[in-house]
Amino acid sequence: MSLLRITHFTLTSTLGNGRNAHVDALLSGTTGLQQHHFDDCHLSCWIGEVKGLDTPLHSSIKQFDCRNHRLAWLGLQQDGFLDAVAKLRENYDPTRIGVFMGTSTAGIHAAELAYRQWRQHNDTHHALPDWFDYQHTQNLYSVADFVKHALQLNGHSLVISTACSSSAKVFAAAYRSIALGLCDAAIVGGIDSLCLTTLYGFNSLQLISIDMCRPADVNRRGISIGEAAGFAIVEAPQLKHDLHALPFTLLGYGECGDAYHMSSPDPQGHGAATSMQLALSRAGLDPSVVDYINLHGTGTLANDAAEDKGVTTIFGTHIPCSSTKGWTGHTLGAAGIVEAGIAMLCIEQGLLPQSLNTQQKDPSLNANILLNTQRKTVRHVMSNSFGFGGSNCSLLFADINALNKAII
């Protein structure tokens, strides 16, 4: 198999529902971040909240009802994705369509609510409320299980939970599974929703910013947590059909682990450099062909500095780079799919987005951080997702119409 076709994709985040909402925000420089008012969290911070998650799931999938799966269902309804999957089922046996999802916490907010109700009884022997269904909400696999039920698929499936690289690594998992013959096509994606565990957890590590996330800024103070859902259809390059497929391909991927620290990245950026070089090597491409790098760019001191070293080691200081977390916030387990989707929008729209909220670039950073959005032809984009503790994944996307040959 020479490459992986992306024939359809959709995004839902604090910027809105669907691809057009994201293009509009990127072009207008409009952030989706707002000062928080999630649940009963009392932290002073900014979040990227998705609206419209108050409606319970309908009866056929009600056992999965929780904030995370409401967000997933909202995302699946955008950009004609349900219709595209229905056509996919006509062209492939549903048992041969894989489902590969990424998440960091799944439906843990449901467990938070259940334990809150349990605590109100002031009786440690009292059972959790009857409505709480661990298997279909908090359980990590419930994310793939829900998507399979919602899309009427029953093929090979798995969930990857490697923190912030989770839904980038699903592309690599799908590629290997299709190459091995475990499936003929796949749905890849990621969902992560707001919860108290991540808000208070990252705050305990002093990584939550009281200001909006400002990637690469000299005064950056940390992350702004967001929530999102994104999905893509991936197939082998020889399509069995003409679905007016989108002109995108995954040319290469790189995965590695820092093995440096439980939470901090390798400060020399060796892991970041390795994952990017592996993606380029798998594609057989020189770094000079890459038009833009969508940075992991969390806005923390350690992450931005380490990634900068990795980028400049492989690409030098000229290739345009930016983080889009100033728009969406850090969507954790959904960051990989969101930023992969944005990478493809950059190719489609001829767009190099600025590093939003970056007011003064940190002079210690040497990469070419974009402070203004630009329009130009974009054919190759690298998207970085570097997970908590050094689980790294880089994805290289291209416009298939610009390719002269199959490369992988």
Protein backbone atom coordinates (compact mmCIF):
# COMPACT_ATOMS: atom_id res chain seq x y z
CA MET A 1 0.00 0.00 0.00
CA SER A 2 1.55 3.27 -1.10
CA LEU A 3 -0.40 5.86 0.85
CA LEU A 4 -3.62 6.46 2.76
CA ARG A 5 -6.45 8.44 1.19
CA ILE A 6 -8.58 10.74 3.34
CA THR A 7 -11.88 10.83 1.50
CA HIS A 8 -14.01 12.76 4.00
CA PHE A 9 -13.54 14.56 7.32
CA THR A 10 -15.38 16.76 9.78
CA LEU A 11 -14.54 18.94 12.79
CA THR A 12 -16.56 20.24 15.74
CA SER A 13 -14.97 22.43 18.40
CA THR A 14 -15.52 25.67 20.26
CA LEU A 15 -15.12 27.38 16.86
CA GLY A 16 -18.39 25.81 15.71
CA ASN A 17 -19.82 22.76 14.03
CA GLY A 18 -18.28 21.65 10.75
CA ARG A 19 -15.42 22.61 8.48
CA ASN A 20 -16.83 25.94 7.28
CA ALA A 21 -17.06 27.28 10.84
CA HIS A 22 -13.39 26.51 11.31
CA VAL A 23 -12.37 28.15 8.04
CA ASP A 24 -14.34 31.28 8.93
CA ALA A 25 -12.68 31.51 12.34
CA LEU A 26 -9.18 30.93 10.96
CA LEU A 27 -9.66 33.64 8.35
CA SER A 28 -11.20 36.15 10.76
CA GLY A 29 -8.80 35.49 13.64
CA THR A 30 -11.70 34.79 16.00
CA THR A 31 -10.89 32.68 19.05
CA GLY A 32 -13.37 30.28 20.56
CA LEU A 33 -11.85 30.61 24.03
CA GLN A 34 -13.85 32.23 26.80
CA GLN A 35 -13.45 32.74 30.52
CA HIS A 36 -14.69 29.53 32.03
CA HIS A 37 -18.06 28.67 33.50
CA PHE A 38 -17.95 24.87 33.26
CA ASP A 39 -19.87 22.89 35.87
CA ASP A 40 -18.84 23.98 39.38
CA CYS A 41 -15.14 24.50 38.59
CA HIS A 42 -13.81 27.51 40.48
CA LEU A 43 -10.49 27.94 38.67
CA SER A 44 -9.58 31.22 37.03
CA CYS A 45 -8.92 30.18 33.44
CA TRP A 46 -10.15 30.16 29.84
CA ILE A 47 -11.76 27.17 28.12
CA GLY A 48 -12.96 26.15 24.69
CA GLU A 49 -16.50 24.89 25.29
CA VAL A 50 -18.76 23.39 22.62
CA LYS A 51 -22.38 24.55 22.80
CA GLY A 52 -25.42 22.37 22.35
CA LEU A 53 -24.54 19.35 24.50
CA ASP A 54 -27.57 19.47 26.80
CA THR A 55 -29.79 17.12 24.78
CA PRO A 56 -29.65 13.43 25.79
CA LEU A 57 -28.85 10.86 23.11
CA HIS A 58 -31.82 9.28 21.34
CA SER A 59 -33.24 5.94 22.36
CA SER A 60 -31.21 3.64 20.11
CA ILE A 61 -27.92 4.81 21.65
CA LYS A 62 -29.16 6.11 25.02
CA GLN A 63 -26.99 3.65 27.00
CA PHE A 64 -23.99 5.72 25.87
CA ASP A 65 -25.43 9.02 27.06
CA CYS A 66 -22.79 11.32 28.56
CA ARG A 67 -21.18 14.61 27.62
CA ASN A 68 -18.43 12.91 25.64
CA HIS A 69 -20.78 10.90 23.44
CA ARG A 70 -23.17 13.80 22.99
CA LEU A 71 -20.19 15.69 21.61
CA ALA A 72 -19.28 12.73 19.40
CA TRP A 73 -22.84 12.50 18.06
CA LEU A 74 -22.91 16.25 17.37
CA GLY A 75 -19.65 15.91 15.46
CA LEU A 76 -20.83 12.94 13.42
CA GLN A 77 -23.82 14.95 12.14
CA GLN A 78 -21.67 17.64 10.49
CA ASP A 79 -20.41 18.03 6.91
CA GLY A 80 -22.53 15.19 5.55
CA PHE A 81 -20.39 12.69 7.41
CA LEU A 82 -23.25 10.28 8.19
CA ASP A 83 -24.19 10.18 4.50
CA ALA A 84 -20.57 9.59 3.52
CA VAL A 85 -20.36 6.63 5.93
CA ALA A 86 -23.64 5.26 4.57
CA LYS A 87 -22.10 5.29 1.07
CA LEU A 88 -18.97 3.69 2.49
CA ARG A 89 -21.11 0.83 3.83
CA GLU A 90 -22.45 0.31 0.30
CA ASN A 91 -18.94 -0.11 -1.08
CA TYR A 92 -17.38 -2.16 1.71
CA ASP A 93 -18.64 -4.91 3.96
CA PRO A 94 -19.41 -3.19 7.32
CA THR A 95 -17.34 -5.92 9.01
CA ARG A 96 -14.37 -4.70 6.96
CA ILE A 97 -14.61 -1.03 8.00
CA GLY A 98 -12.43 -0.33 11.02
CA VAL A 99 -13.01 2.22 13.78
CA PHE A 100 -9.96 3.83 15.42
CA MET A 101 -10.63 6.49 18.05
CA GLY A 102 -8.46 8.58 20.35
CA THR A 103 -9.38 10.07 23.72
CA SER A 104 -7.70 10.94 26.99
CA THR A 105 -10.56 10.72 29.48
CA ALA A 106 -13.58 9.38 27.55
CA GLY A 107 -16.80 9.97 29.55
CA ILE A 108 -15.20 10.52 32.94
CA HIS A 109 -17.45 13.53 33.55
CA ALA A 110 -20.30 11.05 33.99
CA ALA A 111 -18.31 9.37 36.77
CA GLU A 112 -17.65 12.77 38.36
CA LEU A 113 -21.37 13.45 38.45
CA ALA A 114 -22.11 9.97 39.79
CA TYR A 115 -19.62 10.32 42.64
CA ARG A 116 -20.92 13.79 43.43
CA GLN A 117 -24.41 12.32 43.86
CA TRP A 118 -22.99 9.41 45.89
CA ARG A 119 -21.15 11.80 48.21
CA GLN A 120 -24.32 13.77 48.88
CA HIS A 121 -25.75 10.67 50.59
CA ASN A 122 -22.92 10.93 53.14
CA ASP A 123 -22.84 7.14 53.30
CA THR A 124 -19.75 5.33 52.05
CA HIS A 125 -21.71 2.08 51.76
CA HIS A 126 -24.31 3.57 49.44
CA ALA A 127 -24.04 2.40 45.82
CA LEU A 128 -23.39 4.69 42.90
CA PRO A 129 -26.62 5.90 41.24
CA ASP A 130 -28.39 3.41 38.99
CA TRP A 131 -28.11 5.69 35.97
CA PHE A 132 -24.29 5.50 35.95
CA ASP A 133 -23.08 3.06 33.28
CA TYR A 134 -19.29 2.70 33.44
CA GLN A 135 -19.08 0.36 30.45
CA HIS A 136 -20.76 2.79 28.06
CA THR A 137 -19.39 6.10 29.39
CA GLN A 138 -16.14 6.23 31.39
CA ASN A 139 -14.64 3.06 29.90
CA LEU A 140 -12.07 4.17 27.28
CA TYR A 141 -13.31 1.65 24.72
CA SER A 142 -16.80 3.14 24.95
CA VAL A 143 -15.66 5.84 22.51
CA ALA A 144 -15.11 3.33 19.68
CA ASP A 145 -18.10 1.27 20.81
CA PHE A 146 -20.35 4.31 20.53
CA VAL A 147 -19.06 5.27 17.07
CA LYS A 148 -19.54 1.70 15.83
CA HIS A 149 -23.13 1.66 17.08
CA ALA A 150 -23.92 5.13 15.73
CA LEU A 151 -22.47 4.33 12.28
CA GLN A 152 -23.73 0.73 12.10
CA LEU A 153 -20.27 -0.74 11.75
CA ASN A 154 -18.86 -3.93 13.27
CA GLY A 155 -15.32 -4.28 12.03
CA HIS A 156 -11.91 -4.14 13.72
CA SER A 157 -11.78 -1.37 16.33
CA LEU A 158 -9.65 0.10 19.08
CA VAL A 159 -9.16 3.21 21.22
CA ILE A 160 -5.79 4.86 21.70
CA SER A 161 -5.20 6.88 24.85
CA THR A 162 -1.72 8.41 24.78
CA ALA A 163 -2.80 11.84 26.06
CA CYS A 164 -2.46 14.59 23.46
CA SER A 165 -1.18 12.36 20.64
CA SER A 166 -4.13 9.94 20.88
CA SER A 167 -6.13 10.97 17.82
CA ALA A 168 -3.04 11.57 15.69
CA LYS A 169 -1.85 8.02 16.28
CA VAL A 170 -5.18 6.63 15.03
CA PHE A 171 -4.08 7.46 11.47
CA ALA A 172 -0.98 5.31 11.91
CA ALA A 173 -3.03 2.51 13.47
CA ALA A 174 -5.52 2.60 10.59
CA TYR A 175 -2.73 2.60 8.02
CA ARG A 176 -1.15 -0.51 9.54
CA SER A 177 -4.48 -2.29 9.89
CA ILE A 178 -5.42 -1.67 6.26
CA ALA A 179 -1.92 -2.68 5.09
CA LEU A 180 -2.17 -5.91 7.12
CA GLY A 181 -5.57 -6.73 5.65
CA LEU A 182 -7.50 -6.37 8.90
CA CYS A 183 -9.88 -3.91 7.24
CA ASP A 184 -10.44 -2.28 3.85
CA ALA A 185 -11.31 1.22 5.06
CA ALA A 186 -11.64 2.93 8.43
CA ILE A 187 -13.19 5.70 10.43
CA VAL A 188 -10.53 7.52 12.43
CA GLY A 189 -11.16 10.26 14.93
CA GLY A 190 -11.03 11.57 18.45
CA ILE A 191 -13.31 12.96 21.12
CA ASP A 192 -12.49 14.64 24.39
CA SER A 193 -14.88 16.69 26.46
CA LEU A 194 -14.49 19.10 29.34
CA CYS A 195 -14.37 17.58 32.80
CA LEU A 196 -13.18 18.49 36.26
CA THR A 197 -10.45 15.84 36.22
CA THR A 198 -8.43 17.54 33.49
CA LEU A 199 -9.13 21.10 34.63
CA TYR A 200 -8.04 20.49 38.21
CA GLY A 201 -5.42 17.93 37.22
CA PHE A 202 -3.51 20.21 34.87
CA ASN A 203 -3.95 23.07 37.30
CA SER A 204 -2.25 20.98 39.98
CA LEU A 205 0.73 20.73 37.62
CA GLN A 206 0.70 24.54 37.26
CA LEU A 207 -0.02 24.22 33.54
CA ILE A 208 -3.40 26.00 33.35
CA SER A 209 -3.07 29.61 32.26
CA ILE A 210 -5.19 32.30 33.91
CA ASP A 211 -4.87 34.15 30.58
CA MET A 212 -5.83 32.91 27.12
CA CYS A 213 -3.39 30.37 25.73
CA ARG A 214 -0.57 32.29 23.99
CA PRO A 215 1.66 29.78 22.13
CA ALA A 216 5.28 30.87 21.62
CA ASP A 217 4.66 34.17 23.40
CA VAL A 218 7.38 35.53 25.66
CA ASN A 219 4.74 35.83 28.40
CA ARG A 220 3.00 32.48 27.83
CA ARG A 221 1.64 30.94 31.01
CA GLY A 222 0.17 27.59 30.04
CA ILE A 223 -2.74 25.85 28.36
CA SER A 224 -6.41 26.62 27.87
CA ILE A 225 -8.36 23.35 27.81
CA GLY A 226 -10.92 22.85 25.07
CA GLU A 227 -13.20 20.07 23.88
CA ALA A 228 -13.74 18.76 20.36
CA ALA A 229 -14.76 15.88 18.14
CA GLY A 230 -13.35 15.11 14.72
CA PHE A 231 -13.68 12.21 12.29
CA ALA A 232 -12.23 11.16 8.95
CA ILE A 233 -12.76 8.35 6.46
CA VAL A 234 -9.51 6.75 5.34
CA GLU A 235 -9.08 4.24 2.54
CA ALA A 236 -6.36 2.57 0.52
CA PRO A 237 -5.31 4.63 -2.53
CA GLN A 238 -7.11 2.45 -5.08
CA LEU A 239 -10.67 3.54 -4.33
CA LYS A 240 -13.44 1.15 -5.34
CA HIS A 241 -15.80 3.99 -6.07
CA ASP A 242 -16.22 7.63 -6.93
CA LEU A 243 -17.67 9.46 -3.94
CA HIS A 244 -16.25 12.82 -5.02
CA ALA A 245 -13.54 12.05 -2.51
CA LEU A 246 -11.58 14.88 -0.98
CA PRO A 247 -8.10 15.32 -2.49
CA PHE A 248 -6.05 14.56 0.63
CA THR A 249 -3.58 11.87 1.46
CA LEU A 250 -1.49 10.87 4.44
CA LEU A 251 2.00 10.54 3.00
CA GLY A 252 3.82 9.65 6.16
CA TYR A 253 3.64 9.31 9.91
CA GLY A 254 6.25 9.22 12.65
CA GLU A 255 5.80 7.86 16.17
CA CYS A 256 8.25 7.69 19.04
CA GLY A 257 8.51 8.02 22.80
CA ASP A 258 10.80 10.38 24.70
CA ALA A 259 11.35 8.00 27.65
CA TYR A 260 12.52 11.13 29.44
CA HIS A 261 10.03 12.12 32.16
CA MET A 262 6.52 11.25 33.31
CA SER A 263 5.13 14.64 32.33
CA SER A 264 7.81 16.91 30.85
CA PRO A 265 9.08 16.66 27.26
CA ASP A 266 12.72 16.06 26.47
CA PRO A 267 14.04 19.66 26.69
CA GLN A 268 16.37 19.11 23.73
CA GLY A 269 13.43 18.18 21.50
CA HIS A 270 14.94 14.85 20.45
CA GLY A 271 11.57 13.09 20.45
CA ALA A 272 9.90 15.87 18.46
CA ALA A 273 12.71 15.80 15.90
CA THR A 274 12.58 12.01 15.65
CA SER A 275 8.82 11.85 14.97
CA MET A 276 9.03 14.53 12.27
CA GLN A 277 12.02 12.87 10.60
CA LEU A 278 10.29 9.50 10.65
CA ALA A 279 7.25 10.99 8.90
CA LEU A 280 9.47 12.56 6.23
CA SER A 281 11.49 9.37 5.79
CA ARG A 282 8.36 7.24 5.44
CA ALA A 283 7.17 9.63 2.72
CA GLY A 284 10.59 9.76 1.07
CA LEU A 285 10.55 13.55 1.15
CA ASP A 286 13.03 16.27 1.93
CA PRO A 287 12.07 18.78 4.67
CA SER A 288 12.15 21.60 2.10
CA VAL A 289 8.91 20.44 0.44
CA VAL A 290 6.84 21.09 3.58
CA ASP A 291 4.91 24.36 3.25
CA TYR A 292 3.65 24.68 6.82
CA ILE A 293 3.92 23.01 10.22
CA ASN A 294 0.94 22.95 12.56
CA LEU A 295 2.77 22.89 15.86
CA HIS A 296 1.65 21.05 18.95
CA GLY A 297 2.24 24.47 20.53
CA THR A 298 0.49 24.21 23.88
CA GLY A 299 1.65 27.55 25.27
CA THR A 300 3.61 26.04 28.15
CA LEU A 301 7.21 27.06 28.69
CA ALA A 302 8.62 23.54 28.39
CA ASN A 303 6.57 22.29 25.42
CA ASP A 304 7.08 25.28 23.16
CA ALA A 305 10.82 25.38 23.84
CA ALA A 306 11.32 21.64 23.25
CA GLU A 307 9.25 21.61 20.06
CA ASP A 308 11.13 24.64 18.77
CA LYS A 309 14.41 22.74 19.11
CA GLY A 310 12.93 19.74 17.33
CA VAL A 311 11.52 21.81 14.46
CA THR A 312 14.70 23.78 13.86
CA THR A 313 16.81 20.61 14.01
CA ILE A 314 14.87 19.09 11.09
CA PHE A 315 13.58 22.11 9.16
CA GLY A 316 15.82 25.01 10.06
CA THR A 317 14.32 28.41 10.79
CA HIS A 318 12.45 29.29 7.58
CA ILE A 319 9.40 27.03 7.20
CA PRO A 320 6.23 28.81 8.45
CA CYS A 321 4.88 27.39 11.72
CA SER A 322 2.06 28.17 14.10
CA SER A 323 -0.09 26.63 16.79
CA THR A 324 -3.86 26.73 16.39
CA LYS A 325 -4.55 26.17 20.08
CA GLY A 326 -5.14 29.90 20.47
CA TRP A 327 -8.37 29.26 18.54
CA THR A 328 -9.58 25.94 19.91
CA GLY A 329 -7.73 25.54 23.18
CA HIS A 330 -5.90 22.30 23.88
CA THR A 331 -8.44 19.59 23.14
CA LEU A 332 -6.19 16.88 24.64
CA GLY A 333 -7.16 13.49 23.20
CA ALA A 334 -8.94 15.21 20.29
CA ALA A 335 -6.03 17.54 19.47
CA GLY A 336 -4.54 15.19 16.88
CA ILE A 337 -7.68 14.90 14.75
CA VAL A 338 -8.59 18.57 15.13
CA GLU A 339 -5.19 19.73 13.98
CA ALA A 340 -5.03 17.09 11.23
CA GLY A 341 -8.33 18.52 10.00
CA ILE A 342 -6.95 22.05 10.17
CA ALA A 343 -3.89 20.87 8.23
CA MET A 344 -6.16 19.66 5.45
CA LEU A 345 -8.14 22.91 5.55
CA CYS A 346 -4.85 24.76 5.08
CA ILE A 347 -4.23 22.74 1.90
CA GLU A 348 -7.79 23.17 0.67
CA GLN A 349 -8.00 26.91 1.38
CA GLY A 350 -4.40 27.93 0.66
CA LEU A 351 -4.08 29.16 4.22
CA LEU A 352 -1.23 29.66 6.69
CA PRO A 353 -2.90 30.56 9.99
CA GLN A 354 -1.27 32.87 12.48
CA SER A 355 -0.35 31.84 16.01
CA LEU A 356 -3.43 33.45 17.52
CA ASN A 357 -2.99 35.37 20.80
CA THR A 358 0.79 35.46 20.35
CA GLN A 359 1.54 39.10 21.05
CA GLN A 360 5.34 39.04 21.32
CA LYS A 361 7.30 36.03 20.13
CA ASP A 362 9.69 34.59 22.69
CA PRO A 363 13.13 35.66 21.41
CA SER A 364 14.61 32.36 22.61
CA LEU A 365 12.50 30.48 20.01
CA ASN A 366 14.05 30.23 16.54
CA ALA A 367 11.28 28.71 14.40
CA ASN A 368 9.41 30.91 11.93
CA ILE A 369 6.28 31.55 14.02
CA LEU A 370 3.54 33.24 11.98
CA LEU A 371 2.10 36.33 13.65
CA ASN A 372 -0.23 37.09 10.73
CA THR A 373 -2.41 34.81 8.64
CA GLN A 374 -1.24 34.37 5.05
CA ARG A 375 -2.79 33.07 1.84
CA LYS A 376 -0.65 30.98 -0.52
CA THR A 377 -0.60 27.62 -2.26
CA VAL A 378 -0.15 24.86 0.29
CA ARG A 379 0.58 21.30 -0.80
CA HIS A 380 2.37 19.63 2.12
CA VAL A 381 1.59 20.16 5.82
CA MET A 382 3.16 18.56 8.88
CA SER A 383 0.93 18.27 11.94
CA ASN A 384 2.54 17.60 15.33
CA SER A 385 0.90 16.02 18.37
CA PHE A 386 3.15 15.45 21.37
CA GLY A 387 1.49 13.67 24.25
CA PHE A 388 1.94 14.15 27.96
CA GLY A 389 5.14 12.44 29.04
CA GLY A 390 6.64 12.29 25.54
CA SER A 391 4.35 10.16 23.34
CA ASN A 392 4.99 11.80 19.98
CA CYS A 393 3.26 11.60 16.61
CA SER A 394 3.81 13.64 13.46
CA LEU A 395 1.56 13.37 10.40
CA LEU A 396 2.44 14.54 6.89
CA PHE A 397 -0.54 15.44 4.70
CA ALA A 398 -0.56 16.41 1.02
CA ASP A 399 -2.79 17.42 -1.85
CA ILE A 400 -3.04 14.23 -3.86
CA ASN A 401 -3.42 16.20 -7.08
CA ALA A 402 0.10 17.58 -6.57
CA LEU A 403 1.74 14.16 -6.24
CA ASN A 404 3.70 12.71 -9.12
CA LYS A 405 4.01 9.27 -7.60
CA ALA A 406 2.95 7.11 -4.66
CA ILE A 407 5.63 7.50 -2.04
CA ILE A 408 5.17 5.39 1.08
